[in-house]
Amino acid sequence: MSEHILQSQIVGFLRLSGFKTMDSDVMSALRYLPPADKRRVLYINQHKNMGYTQGQPDLVVICPEGKVVFVELKNGKAGRQSKEQKAFEAAAKRLGHDYRVWRSLDDAVAFVEERRSNETL
């Protein structure tokens, strides 16, 4: 399964479960890069100026209680985080944020169940 399909499934499930989600790529800017020439450099710089940074996660999940969770999605083909993604994870955790790597819809289901069980405590 592609990460695109996985992300679509997870976003649909989270929204049905009362969570808000945002794709953290600025307009999915760097997913569709122009050819490697001067236009590409200008394109990348434009989106960096708009806030894109390498390593940012695929999703930002806004929980009903207002907490934010960063989620990196991985599938069998792209199963490892890049060094930039690991650096973002470390920085997020250092600041006290929740950061997760999900590989399936089951991970999102477990997350929602965990959140709901914590609400009852």
PDB file of N, CA and C in Angstrom:
ATOM      1  N   MET A   1       0.838  -1.175   0.000  1.00  0.00           N
ATOM      2  CA  MET A   1       0.000   0.000   0.000  1.00  0.00           C
ATOM      3  C   MET A   1       0.890   1.249   0.000  1.00  0.00           C
ATOM      4  N   SER A   2       0.541   2.218  -0.815  1.00  0.00           N
ATOM      5  CA  SER A   2       1.334   3.448  -0.873  1.00  0.00           C
ATOM      6  C   SER A   2       1.065   4.300   0.365  1.00  0.00           C
ATOM      7  N   GLU A   3       1.999   5.207   0.661  1.00  0.00           N
ATOM      8  CA  GLU A   3       1.802   6.121   1.789  1.00  0.00           C
ATOM      9  C   GLU A   3       0.604   7.033   1.535  1.00  0.00           C
ATOM     10  N   HIS A   4       0.352   7.353   0.267  1.00  0.00           N
ATOM     11  CA  HIS A   4      -0.788   8.207  -0.082  1.00  0.00           C
ATOM     12  C   HIS A   4      -2.101   7.533   0.325  1.00  0.00           C
ATOM     13  N   ILE A   5      -2.257   6.270  -0.004  1.00  0.00           N
ATOM     14  CA  ILE A   5      -3.476   5.530   0.353  1.00  0.00           C
ATOM     15  C   ILE A   5      -3.559   5.380   1.870  1.00  0.00           C
ATOM     16  N   LEU A   6      -2.437   5.030   2.504  1.00  0.00           N
ATOM     17  CA  LEU A   6      -2.411   4.908   3.960  1.00  0.00           C
ATOM     18  C   LEU A   6      -2.839   6.210   4.616  1.00  0.00           C
ATOM     19  N   GLN A   7      -2.290   7.316   4.156  1.00  0.00           N
ATOM     20  CA  GLN A   7      -2.627   8.612   4.736  1.00  0.00           C
ATOM     21  C   GLN A   7      -4.108   8.910   4.545  1.00  0.00           C
ATOM     22  N   SER A   8      -4.657   8.618   3.382  1.00  0.00           N
ATOM     23  CA  SER A   8      -6.083   8.867   3.129  1.00  0.00           C
ATOM     24  C   SER A   8      -6.955   8.052   4.086  1.00  0.00           C
ATOM     25  N   GLN A   9      -6.606   6.799   4.297  1.00  0.00           N
ATOM     26  CA  GLN A   9      -7.365   5.949   5.209  1.00  0.00           C
ATOM     27  C   GLN A   9      -7.295   6.483   6.645  1.00  0.00           C
ATOM     28  N   ILE A  10      -6.100   6.847   7.072  1.00  0.00           N
ATOM     29  CA  ILE A  10      -5.910   7.330   8.437  1.00  0.00           C
ATOM     30  C   ILE A  10      -6.639   8.655   8.657  1.00  0.00           C
ATOM     31  N   VAL A  11      -6.535   9.567   7.708  1.00  0.00           N
ATOM     32  CA  VAL A  11      -7.209  10.858   7.837  1.00  0.00           C
ATOM     33  C   VAL A  11      -8.718  10.657   7.926  1.00  0.00           C
ATOM     34  N   GLY A  12      -9.265   9.798   7.078  1.00  0.00           N
ATOM     35  CA  GLY A  12     -10.700   9.530   7.124  1.00  0.00           C
ATOM     36  C   GLY A  12     -11.126   8.970   8.463  1.00  0.00           C
ATOM     37  N   PHE A  13     -10.374   8.013   8.977  1.00  0.00           N
ATOM     38  CA  PHE A  13     -10.691   7.415  10.269  1.00  0.00           C
ATOM     39  C   PHE A  13     -10.607   8.449  11.396  1.00  0.00           C
ATOM     40  N   LEU A  14      -9.531   9.227  11.418  1.00  0.00           N
ATOM     41  CA  LEU A  14      -9.360  10.219  12.487  1.00  0.00           C
ATOM     42  C   LEU A  14     -10.475  11.257  12.466  1.00  0.00           C
ATOM     43  N   ARG A  15     -10.854  11.695  11.286  1.00  0.00           N
ATOM     44  CA  ARG A  15     -11.927  12.690  11.194  1.00  0.00           C
ATOM     45  C   ARG A  15     -13.250  12.122  11.690  1.00  0.00           C
ATOM     46  N   LEU A  16     -13.535  10.875  11.336  1.00  0.00           N
ATOM     47  CA  LEU A  16     -14.754  10.226  11.836  1.00  0.00           C
ATOM     48  C   LEU A  16     -14.718  10.069  13.352  1.00  0.00           C
ATOM     49  N   SER A  17     -13.510   9.998  13.902  1.00  0.00           N
ATOM     50  CA  SER A  17     -13.331   9.816  15.345  1.00  0.00           C
ATOM     51  C   SER A  17     -13.263  11.137  16.111  1.00  0.00           C
ATOM     52  N   GLY A  18     -13.452  12.257  15.415  1.00  0.00           N
ATOM     53  CA  GLY A  18     -13.487  13.550  16.083  1.00  0.00           C
ATOM     54  C   GLY A  18     -12.163  14.284  16.164  1.00  0.00           C
ATOM     55  N   PHE A  19     -11.172  13.832  15.419  1.00  0.00           N
ATOM     56  CA  PHE A  19      -9.873  14.488  15.392  1.00  0.00           C
ATOM     57  C   PHE A  19      -9.763  15.316  14.116  1.00  0.00           C
ATOM     58  N   LYS A  20      -9.051  16.413  14.198  1.00  0.00           N
ATOM     59  CA  LYS A  20      -8.772  17.215  13.014  1.00  0.00           C
ATOM     60  C   LYS A  20      -7.367  16.872  12.541  1.00  0.00           C
ATOM     61  N   THR A  21      -7.168  16.930  11.239  1.00  0.00           N
ATOM     62  CA  THR A  21      -5.849  16.621  10.700  1.00  0.00           C
ATOM     63  C   THR A  21      -5.460  17.666   9.671  1.00  0.00           C
ATOM     64  N   MET A  22      -4.168  17.849   9.552  1.00  0.00           N
ATOM     65  CA  MET A  22      -3.625  18.714   8.515  1.00  0.00           C
ATOM     66  C   MET A  22      -2.427  18.012   7.912  1.00  0.00           C
ATOM     67  N   ASP A  23      -2.360  18.032   6.595  1.00  0.00           N
ATOM     68  CA  ASP A  23      -1.159  17.552   5.936  1.00  0.00           C
ATOM     69  C   ASP A  23      -0.114  18.623   6.181  1.00  0.00           C
ATOM     70  N   SER A  24       1.026  18.260   6.726  1.00  0.00           N
ATOM     71  CA  SER A  24       1.983  19.284   7.126  1.00  0.00           C
ATOM     72  C   SER A  24       2.851  19.784   5.980  1.00  0.00           C
ATOM     73  N   ASP A  25       2.797  19.148   4.818  1.00  0.00           N
ATOM     74  CA  ASP A  25       3.521  19.685   3.671  1.00  0.00           C
ATOM     75  C   ASP A  25       2.812  20.953   3.224  1.00  0.00           C
ATOM     76  N   VAL A  26       3.562  22.001   2.993  1.00  0.00           N
ATOM     77  CA  VAL A  26       2.972  23.245   2.514  1.00  0.00           C
ATOM     78  C   VAL A  26       2.490  22.999   1.085  1.00  0.00           C
ATOM     79  N   MET A  27       1.192  22.865   0.928  1.00  0.00           N
ATOM     80  CA  MET A  27       0.563  22.584  -0.363  1.00  0.00           C
ATOM     81  C   MET A  27       1.193  21.366  -1.037  1.00  0.00           C
ATOM     82  N   SER A  28       1.636  20.420  -0.248  1.00  0.00           N
ATOM     83  CA  SER A  28       2.342  19.241  -0.761  1.00  0.00           C
ATOM     84  C   SER A  28       3.478  19.667  -1.690  1.00  0.00           C
ATOM     85  N   ALA A  29       4.124  20.745  -1.313  1.00  0.00           N
ATOM     86  CA  ALA A  29       5.061  21.443  -2.189  1.00  0.00           C
ATOM     87  C   ALA A  29       6.154  20.563  -2.772  1.00  0.00           C
ATOM     88  N   LEU A  30       6.809  19.787  -1.939  1.00  0.00           N
ATOM     89  CA  LEU A  30       7.983  19.098  -2.446  1.00  0.00           C
ATOM     90  C   LEU A  30       7.677  17.687  -2.930  1.00  0.00           C
ATOM     91  N   ARG A  31       6.412  17.337  -3.015  1.00  0.00           N
ATOM     92  CA  ARG A  31       6.071  16.017  -3.561  1.00  0.00           C
ATOM     93  C   ARG A  31       6.114  16.017  -5.077  1.00  0.00           C
ATOM     94  N   TYR A  32       5.937  17.179  -5.687  1.00  0.00           N
ATOM     95  CA  TYR A  32       5.856  17.273  -7.139  1.00  0.00           C
ATOM     96  C   TYR A  32       6.867  18.308  -7.626  1.00  0.00           C
ATOM     97  N   LEU A  33       8.115  17.967  -7.512  1.00  0.00           N
ATOM     98  CA  LEU A  33       9.170  18.916  -7.866  1.00  0.00           C
ATOM     99  C   LEU A  33       9.356  19.001  -9.374  1.00  0.00           C
ATOM    100  N   PRO A  34       9.629  20.210  -9.882  1.00  0.00           N
ATOM    101  CA  PRO A  34       9.986  20.336 -11.285  1.00  0.00           C
ATOM    102  C   PRO A  34      11.358  19.716 -11.542  1.00  0.00           C
ATOM    103  N   PRO A  35      11.763  19.619 -12.796  1.00  0.00           N
ATOM    104  CA  PRO A  35      13.074  19.017 -13.111  1.00  0.00           C
ATOM    105  C   PRO A  35      14.215  19.700 -12.366  1.00  0.00           C
ATOM    106  N   ALA A  36      15.329  18.971 -12.236  1.00  0.00           N
ATOM    107  CA  ALA A  36      16.487  19.483 -11.496  1.00  0.00           C
ATOM    108  C   ALA A  36      17.200  20.544 -12.318  1.00  0.00           C
ATOM    109  N   ASP A  37      16.751  21.752 -12.229  1.00  0.00           N
ATOM    110  CA  ASP A  37      17.383  22.873 -12.896  1.00  0.00           C
ATOM    111  C   ASP A  37      17.134  24.129 -12.056  1.00  0.00           C
ATOM    112  N   LYS A  38      17.338  25.300 -12.635  1.00  0.00           N
ATOM    113  CA  LYS A  38      17.165  26.546 -11.875  1.00  0.00           C
ATOM    114  C   LYS A  38      15.732  26.704 -11.369  1.00  0.00           C
ATOM    115  N   ARG A  39      14.741  26.228 -12.136  1.00  0.00           N
ATOM    116  CA  ARG A  39      13.349  26.333 -11.694  1.00  0.00           C
ATOM    117  C   ARG A  39      13.135  25.536 -10.416  1.00  0.00           C
ATOM    118  N   ARG A  40      13.788  24.390 -10.320  1.00  0.00           N
ATOM    119  CA  ARG A  40      13.632  23.556  -9.131  1.00  0.00           C
ATOM    120  C   ARG A  40      14.185  24.271  -7.900  1.00  0.00           C
ATOM    121  N   VAL A  41      15.353  24.882  -8.033  1.00  0.00           N
ATOM    122  CA  VAL A  41      15.957  25.610  -6.915  1.00  0.00           C
ATOM    123  C   VAL A  41      15.031  26.746  -6.480  1.00  0.00           C
ATOM    124  N   LEU A  42      14.490  27.497  -7.434  1.00  0.00           N
ATOM    125  CA  LEU A  42      13.567  28.584  -7.100  1.00  0.00           C
ATOM    126  C   LEU A  42      12.314  28.048  -6.418  1.00  0.00           C
ATOM    127  N   TYR A  43      11.804  26.922  -6.902  1.00  0.00           N
ATOM    128  CA  TYR A  43      10.607  26.303  -6.352  1.00  0.00           C
ATOM    129  C   TYR A  43      10.835  25.878  -4.908  1.00  0.00           C
ATOM    130  N   ILE A  44      11.952  25.216  -4.656  1.00  0.00           N
ATOM    131  CA  ILE A  44      12.280  24.769  -3.299  1.00  0.00           C
ATOM    132  C   ILE A  44      12.443  25.966  -2.368  1.00  0.00           C
ATOM    133  N   ASN A  45      13.175  26.977  -2.815  1.00  0.00           N
ATOM    134  CA  ASN A  45      13.385  28.153  -1.971  1.00  0.00           C
ATOM    135  C   ASN A  45      12.079  28.878  -1.671  1.00  0.00           C
ATOM    136  N   GLN A  46      11.190  28.947  -2.661  1.00  0.00           N
ATOM    137  CA  GLN A  46       9.896  29.590  -2.449  1.00  0.00           C
ATOM    138  C   GLN A  46       9.123  28.881  -1.347  1.00  0.00           C
ATOM    139  N   HIS A  47       9.120  27.561  -1.367  1.00  0.00           N
ATOM    140  CA  HIS A  47       8.348  26.819  -0.373  1.00  0.00           C
ATOM    141  C   HIS A  47       9.035  26.800   0.995  1.00  0.00           C
ATOM    142  N   LYS A  48      10.350  26.890   1.019  1.00  0.00           N
ATOM    143  CA  LYS A  48      11.037  27.040   2.305  1.00  0.00           C
ATOM    144  C   LYS A  48      10.635  28.368   2.938  1.00  0.00           C
ATOM    145  N   ASN A  49      10.535  29.401   2.109  1.00  0.00           N
ATOM    146  CA  ASN A  49      10.117  30.710   2.610  1.00  0.00           C
ATOM    147  C   ASN A  49       8.684  30.674   3.119  1.00  0.00           C
ATOM    148  N   MET A  50       7.878  29.739   2.606  1.00  0.00           N
ATOM    149  CA  MET A  50       6.482  29.601   3.031  1.00  0.00           C
ATOM    150  C   MET A  50       6.363  28.753   4.293  1.00  0.00           C
ATOM    151  N   GLY A  51       7.479  28.176   4.767  1.00  0.00           N
ATOM    152  CA  GLY A  51       7.440  27.451   6.020  1.00  0.00           C
ATOM    153  C   GLY A  51       7.808  25.986   5.956  1.00  0.00           C
ATOM    154  N   TYR A  52       8.014  25.431   4.767  1.00  0.00           N
ATOM    155  CA  TYR A  52       8.378  24.018   4.666  1.00  0.00           C
ATOM    156  C   TYR A  52       9.789  23.804   5.189  1.00  0.00           C
ATOM    157  N   THR A  53       9.967  22.783   6.004  1.00  0.00           N
ATOM    158  CA  THR A  53      11.300  22.386   6.432  1.00  0.00           C
ATOM    159  C   THR A  53      11.457  20.890   6.198  1.00  0.00           C
ATOM    160  N   GLN A  54      12.635  20.473   5.817  1.00  0.00           N
ATOM    161  CA  GLN A  54      12.877  19.053   5.607  1.00  0.00           C
ATOM    162  C   GLN A  54      12.688  18.321   6.923  1.00  0.00           C
ATOM    163  N   GLY A  55      12.071  17.159   6.833  1.00  0.00           N
ATOM    164  CA  GLY A  55      11.905  16.332   8.007  1.00  0.00           C
ATOM    165  C   GLY A  55      10.582  16.496   8.727  1.00  0.00           C
ATOM    166  N   GLN A  56       9.783  17.509   8.319  1.00  0.00           N
ATOM    167  CA  GLN A  56       8.516  17.665   9.013  1.00  0.00           C
ATOM    168  C   GLN A  56       7.620  16.463   8.723  1.00  0.00           C
ATOM    169  N   PRO A  57       6.745  16.116   9.675  1.00  0.00           N
ATOM    170  CA  PRO A  57       5.960  14.889   9.557  1.00  0.00           C
ATOM    171  C   PRO A  57       4.854  15.013   8.510  1.00  0.00           C
ATOM    172  N   ASP A  58       4.279  13.862   8.165  1.00  0.00           N
ATOM    173  CA  ASP A  58       3.217  13.835   7.166  1.00  0.00           C
ATOM    174  C   ASP A  58       1.926  14.461   7.670  1.00  0.00           C
ATOM    175  N   LEU A  59       1.623  14.266   8.932  1.00  0.00           N
ATOM    176  CA  LEU A  59       0.367  14.769   9.489  1.00  0.00           C
ATOM    177  C   LEU A  59       0.577  15.502  10.798  1.00  0.00           C
ATOM    178  N   VAL A  60      -0.264  16.480  11.009  1.00  0.00           N
ATOM    179  CA  VAL A  60      -0.408  17.109  12.308  1.00  0.00           C
ATOM    180  C   VAL A  60      -1.829  16.781  12.745  1.00  0.00           C
ATOM    181  N   VAL A  61      -1.963  16.075  13.852  1.00  0.00           N
ATOM    182  CA  VAL A  61      -3.271  15.655  14.359  1.00  0.00           C
ATOM    183  C   VAL A  61      -3.632  16.551  15.540  1.00  0.00           C
ATOM    184  N   ILE A  62      -4.804  17.180  15.442  1.00  0.00           N
ATOM    185  CA  ILE A  62      -5.284  18.037  16.516  1.00  0.00           C
ATOM    186  C   ILE A  62      -6.355  17.258  17.265  1.00  0.00           C
ATOM    187  N   CYS A  63      -6.055  16.922  18.501  1.00  0.00           N
ATOM    188  CA  CYS A  63      -6.949  16.098  19.319  1.00  0.00           C
ATOM    189  C   CYS A  63      -8.107  16.942  19.839  1.00  0.00           C
ATOM    190  N   PRO A  64      -9.244  16.301  20.139  1.00  0.00           N
ATOM    191  CA  PRO A  64     -10.407  17.048  20.632  1.00  0.00           C
ATOM    192  C   PRO A  64     -10.111  17.913  21.855  1.00  0.00           C
ATOM    193  N   GLU A  65      -9.175  17.472  22.713  1.00  0.00           N
ATOM    194  CA  GLU A  65      -8.853  18.269  23.909  1.00  0.00           C
ATOM    195  C   GLU A  65      -7.846  19.375  23.610  1.00  0.00           C
ATOM    196  N   GLY A  66      -7.427  19.505  22.343  1.00  0.00           N
ATOM    197  CA  GLY A  66      -6.555  20.597  21.944  1.00  0.00           C
ATOM    198  C   GLY A  66      -5.082  20.252  21.830  1.00  0.00           C
ATOM    199  N   LYS A  67      -4.678  19.066  22.220  1.00  0.00           N
ATOM    200  CA  LYS A  67      -3.273  18.663  22.081  1.00  0.00           C
ATOM    201  C   LYS A  67      -2.961  18.402  20.610  1.00  0.00           C
ATOM    202  N   VAL A  68      -1.697  18.553  20.262  1.00  0.00           N
ATOM    203  CA  VAL A  68      -1.237  18.323  18.893  1.00  0.00           C
ATOM    204  C   VAL A  68      -0.277  17.143  18.880  1.00  0.00           C
ATOM    205  N   VAL A  69      -0.431  16.284  17.886  1.00  0.00           N
ATOM    206  CA  VAL A  69       0.438  15.122  17.729  1.00  0.00           C
ATOM    207  C   VAL A  69       1.004  15.150  16.318  1.00  0.00           C
ATOM    208  N   PHE A  70       2.315  14.988  16.210  1.00  0.00           N
ATOM    209  CA  PHE A  70       2.971  14.901  14.908  1.00  0.00           C
ATOM    210  C   PHE A  70       3.056  13.429  14.517  1.00  0.00           C
ATOM    211  N   VAL A  71       2.688  13.117  13.271  1.00  0.00           N
ATOM    212  CA  VAL A  71       2.676  11.726  12.814  1.00  0.00           C
ATOM    213  C   VAL A  71       3.434  11.596  11.492  1.00  0.00           C
ATOM    214  N   GLU A  72       4.409  10.723  11.498  1.00  0.00           N
ATOM    215  CA  GLU A  72       5.134  10.352  10.282  1.00  0.00           C
ATOM    216  C   GLU A  72       4.582   9.004   9.833  1.00  0.00           C
ATOM    217  N   LEU A  73       4.222   8.892   8.565  1.00  0.00           N
ATOM    218  CA  LEU A  73       3.680   7.654   8.020  1.00  0.00           C
ATOM    219  C   LEU A  73       4.761   6.917   7.248  1.00  0.00           C
ATOM    220  N   LYS A  74       4.818   5.622   7.457  1.00  0.00           N
ATOM    221  CA  LYS A  74       5.791   4.785   6.748  1.00  0.00           C
ATOM    222  C   LYS A  74       5.094   3.524   6.268  1.00  0.00           C
ATOM    223  N   ASN A  75       5.463   3.090   5.066  1.00  0.00           N
ATOM    224  CA  ASN A  75       4.961   1.815   4.568  1.00  0.00           C
ATOM    225  C   ASN A  75       6.139   0.884   4.330  1.00  0.00           C
ATOM    226  N   GLY A  76       5.878  -0.269   3.766  1.00  0.00           N
ATOM    227  CA  GLY A  76       6.942  -1.246   3.535  1.00  0.00           C
ATOM    228  C   GLY A  76       8.054  -0.739   2.641  1.00  0.00           C
ATOM    229  N   LYS A  77       7.709   0.116   1.657  1.00  0.00           N
ATOM    230  CA  LYS A  77       8.712   0.611   0.719  1.00  0.00           C
ATOM    231  C   LYS A  77       9.566   1.726   1.317  1.00  0.00           C
ATOM    232  N   ALA A  78       8.958   2.537   2.117  1.00  0.00           N
ATOM    233  CA  ALA A  78       9.678   3.680   2.715  1.00  0.00           C
ATOM    234  C   ALA A  78       9.647   3.529   4.228  1.00  0.00           C
ATOM    235  N   GLY A  79      10.199   2.442   4.702  1.00  0.00           N
ATOM    236  CA  GLY A  79      10.024   2.069   6.092  1.00  0.00           C
ATOM    237  C   GLY A  79      10.892   2.769   7.111  1.00  0.00           C
ATOM    238  N   ARG A  80      11.819   3.604   6.688  1.00  0.00           N
ATOM    239  CA  ARG A  80      12.721   4.244   7.657  1.00  0.00           C
ATOM    240  C   ARG A  80      12.618   5.756   7.582  1.00  0.00           C
ATOM    241  N   GLN A  81      12.790   6.372   8.738  1.00  0.00           N
ATOM    242  CA  GLN A  81      12.828   7.828   8.777  1.00  0.00           C
ATOM    243  C   GLN A  81      14.165   8.324   8.225  1.00  0.00           C
ATOM    244  N   SER A  82      14.111   9.458   7.560  1.00  0.00           N
ATOM    245  CA  SER A  82      15.339  10.105   7.112  1.00  0.00           C
ATOM    246  C   SER A  82      16.016  10.757   8.313  1.00  0.00           C
ATOM    247  N   LYS A  83      17.252  11.178   8.135  1.00  0.00           N
ATOM    248  CA  LYS A  83      17.944  11.850   9.243  1.00  0.00           C
ATOM    249  C   LYS A  83      17.234  13.158   9.595  1.00  0.00           C
ATOM    250  N   GLU A  84      16.648  13.830   8.600  1.00  0.00           N
ATOM    251  CA  GLU A  84      15.906  15.066   8.877  1.00  0.00           C
ATOM    252  C   GLU A  84      14.643  14.773   9.681  1.00  0.00           C
ATOM    253  N   GLN A  85      13.978  13.662   9.365  1.00  0.00           N
ATOM    254  CA  GLN A  85      12.783  13.285  10.120  1.00  0.00           C
ATOM    255  C   GLN A  85      13.132  12.917  11.554  1.00  0.00           C
ATOM    256  N   LYS A  86      14.234  12.221  11.739  1.00  0.00           N
ATOM    257  CA  LYS A  86      14.674  11.883  13.102  1.00  0.00           C
ATOM    258  C   LYS A  86      15.022  13.140  13.886  1.00  0.00           C
ATOM    259  N   ALA A  87      15.627  14.113  13.217  1.00  0.00           N
ATOM    260  CA  ALA A  87      15.977  15.374  13.889  1.00  0.00           C
ATOM    261  C   ALA A  87      14.711  16.131  14.280  1.00  0.00           C
ATOM    262  N   PHE A  88      13.702  16.137  13.398  1.00  0.00           N
ATOM    263  CA  PHE A  88      12.444  16.796  13.733  1.00  0.00           C
ATOM    264  C   PHE A  88      11.789  16.105  14.914  1.00  0.00           C
ATOM    265  N   GLU A  89      11.787  14.769  14.900  1.00  0.00           N
ATOM    266  CA  GLU A  89      11.216  14.002  16.008  1.00  0.00           C
ATOM    267  C   GLU A  89      11.906  14.356  17.326  1.00  0.00           C
ATOM    268  N   ALA A  90      13.227  14.387  17.316  1.00  0.00           N
ATOM    269  CA  ALA A  90      13.984  14.692  18.532  1.00  0.00           C
ATOM    270  C   ALA A  90      13.654  16.098  19.039  1.00  0.00           C
ATOM    271  N   ALA A  91      13.585  17.055  18.124  1.00  0.00           N
ATOM    272  CA  ALA A  91      13.273  18.433  18.516  1.00  0.00           C
ATOM    273  C   ALA A  91      11.861  18.529  19.082  1.00  0.00           C
ATOM    274  N   ALA A  92      10.909  17.857  18.442  1.00  0.00           N
ATOM    275  CA  ALA A  92       9.522  17.886  18.913  1.00  0.00           C
ATOM    276  C   ALA A  92       9.417  17.283  20.312  1.00  0.00           C
ATOM    277  N   LYS A  93      10.062  16.155  20.520  1.00  0.00           N
ATOM    278  CA  LYS A  93      10.012  15.489  21.833  1.00  0.00           C
ATOM    279  C   LYS A  93      10.719  16.320  22.901  1.00  0.00           C
ATOM    280  N   ARG A  94      11.822  16.954  22.524  1.00  0.00           N
ATOM    281  CA  ARG A  94      12.550  17.804  23.466  1.00  0.00           C
ATOM    282  C   ARG A  94      11.661  18.942  23.969  1.00  0.00           C
ATOM    283  N   LEU A  95      10.755  19.402  23.100  1.00  0.00           N
ATOM    284  CA  LEU A  95       9.842  20.489  23.465  1.00  0.00           C
ATOM    285  C   LEU A  95       8.562  19.969  24.121  1.00  0.00           C
ATOM    286  N   GLY A  96       8.484  18.655  24.337  1.00  0.00           N
ATOM    287  CA  GLY A  96       7.342  18.076  25.029  1.00  0.00           C
ATOM    288  C   GLY A  96       6.177  17.679  24.144  1.00  0.00           C
ATOM    289  N   HIS A  97       6.385  17.652  22.832  1.00  0.00           N
ATOM    290  CA  HIS A  97       5.315  17.276  21.912  1.00  0.00           C
ATOM    291  C   HIS A  97       5.270  15.762  21.710  1.00  0.00           C
ATOM    292  N   ASP A  98       4.113  15.288  21.341  1.00  0.00           N
ATOM    293  CA  ASP A  98       3.913  13.873  21.023  1.00  0.00           C
ATOM    294  C   ASP A  98       4.246  13.678  19.548  1.00  0.00           C
ATOM    295  N   TYR A  99       5.087  12.714  19.245  1.00  0.00           N
ATOM    296  CA  TYR A  99       5.501  12.404  17.877  1.00  0.00           C
ATOM    297  C   TYR A  99       5.399  10.899  17.706  1.00  0.00           C
ATOM    298  N   ARG A 100       4.786  10.472  16.630  1.00  0.00           N
ATOM    299  CA  ARG A 100       4.609   9.041  16.404  1.00  0.00           C
ATOM    300  C   ARG A 100       4.908   8.668  14.966  1.00  0.00           C
ATOM    301  N   VAL A 101       5.319   7.422  14.790  1.00  0.00           N
ATOM    302  CA  VAL A 101       5.481   6.846  13.454  1.00  0.00           C
ATOM    303  C   VAL A 101       4.418   5.761  13.334  1.00  0.00           C
ATOM    304  N   TRP A 102       3.552   5.910  12.333  1.00  0.00           N
ATOM    305  CA  TRP A 102       2.502   4.933  12.102  1.00  0.00           C
ATOM    306  C   TRP A 102       2.758   4.205  10.793  1.00  0.00           C
ATOM    307  N   ARG A 103       2.528   2.894  10.809  1.00  0.00           N
ATOM    308  CA  ARG A 103       2.748   2.062   9.623  1.00  0.00           C
ATOM    309  C   ARG A 103       1.465   1.451   9.077  1.00  0.00           C
ATOM    310  N   SER A 104       0.355   1.663   9.798  1.00  0.00           N
ATOM    311  CA  SER A 104      -0.908   1.067   9.350  1.00  0.00           C
ATOM    312  C   SER A 104      -2.080   1.813   9.981  1.00  0.00           C
ATOM    313  N   LEU A 105      -3.256   1.524   9.468  1.00  0.00           N
ATOM    314  CA  LEU A 105      -4.471   2.074  10.047  1.00  0.00           C
ATOM    315  C   LEU A 105      -4.636   1.594  11.490  1.00  0.00           C
ATOM    316  N   ASP A 106      -4.154   0.394  11.775  1.00  0.00           N
ATOM    317  CA  ASP A 106      -4.227  -0.142  13.143  1.00  0.00           C
ATOM    318  C   ASP A 106      -3.524   0.772  14.147  1.00  0.00           C
ATOM    319  N   ASP A 107      -2.439   1.417  13.723  1.00  0.00           N
ATOM    320  CA  ASP A 107      -1.735   2.339  14.615  1.00  0.00           C
ATOM    321  C   ASP A 107      -2.625   3.534  14.970  1.00  0.00           C
ATOM    322  N   ALA A 108      -3.378   4.032  13.996  1.00  0.00           N
ATOM    323  CA  ALA A 108      -4.289   5.148  14.249  1.00  0.00           C
ATOM    324  C   ALA A 108      -5.432   4.712  15.158  1.00  0.00           C
ATOM    325  N   VAL A 109      -5.948   3.509  14.934  1.00  0.00           N
ATOM    326  CA  VAL A 109      -7.026   2.983  15.779  1.00  0.00           C
ATOM    327  C   VAL A 109      -6.534   2.860  17.222  1.00  0.00           C
ATOM    328  N   ALA A 110      -5.341   2.307  17.411  1.00  0.00           N
ATOM    329  CA  ALA A 110      -4.780   2.169  18.758  1.00  0.00           C
ATOM    330  C   ALA A 110      -4.591   3.536  19.413  1.00  0.00           C
ATOM    331  N   PHE A 111      -4.177   4.527  18.639  1.00  0.00           N
ATOM    332  CA  PHE A 111      -3.995   5.890  19.147  1.00  0.00           C
ATOM    333  C   PHE A 111      -5.319   6.455  19.660  1.00  0.00           C
ATOM    334  N   VAL A 112      -6.379   6.323  18.861  1.00  0.00           N
ATOM    335  CA  VAL A 112      -7.690   6.843  19.264  1.00  0.00           C
ATOM    336  C   VAL A 112      -8.178   6.121  20.519  1.00  0.00           C
ATOM    337  N   GLU A 113      -8.016   4.800  20.558  1.00  0.00           N
ATOM    338  CA  GLU A 113      -8.427   4.044  21.745  1.00  0.00           C
ATOM    339  C   GLU A 113      -7.639   4.481  22.976  1.00  0.00           C
ATOM    340  N   GLU A 114      -6.346   4.704  22.801  1.00  0.00           N
ATOM    341  CA  GLU A 114      -5.495   5.183  23.910  1.00  0.00           C
ATOM    342  C   GLU A 114      -5.975   6.527  24.422  1.00  0.00           C
ATOM    343  N   ARG A 115      -6.277   7.449  23.508  1.00  0.00           N
ATOM    344  CA  ARG A 115      -6.743   8.789  23.894  1.00  0.00           C
ATOM    345  C   ARG A 115      -8.057   8.686  24.654  1.00  0.00           C
ATOM    346  N   ARG A 116      -8.948   7.859  24.151  1.00  0.00           N
ATOM    347  CA  ARG A 116     -10.262   7.731  24.776  1.00  0.00           C
ATOM    348  C   ARG A 116     -10.172   7.084  26.152  1.00  0.00           C
ATOM    349  N   SER A 117      -9.270   6.106  26.299  1.00  0.00           N
ATOM    350  CA  SER A 117      -9.122   5.474  27.624  1.00  0.00           C
ATOM    351  C   SER A 117      -8.504   6.450  28.616  1.00  0.00           C
ATOM    352  N   ASN A 118      -7.641   7.344  28.153  1.00  0.00           N
ATOM    353  CA  ASN A 118      -7.042   8.350  29.040  1.00  0.00           C
ATOM    354  C   ASN A 118      -8.054   9.394  29.473  1.00  0.00           C
ATOM    355  N   GLU A 119      -9.084   9.649  28.647  1.00  0.00           N
ATOM    356  CA  GLU A 119     -10.121  10.613  28.997  1.00  0.00           C
ATOM    357  C   GLU A 119     -10.930  10.159  30.202  1.00  0.00           C
ATOM    358  N   THR A 120     -11.065   8.839  30.358  1.00  0.00           N
ATOM    359  CA  THR A 120     -11.891   8.304  31.436  1.00  0.00           C
ATOM    360  C   THR A 120     -11.152   8.212  32.761  1.00  0.00           C
ATOM    361  N   LEU A 121      -9.832   8.438  32.738  1.00  0.00           N
ATOM    362  CA  LEU A 121      -9.041   8.344  33.983  1.00  0.00           C
ATOM    363  C   LEU A 121      -9.205   9.590  34.835  1.00  0.00           C
TER     364      LEU A 121
END
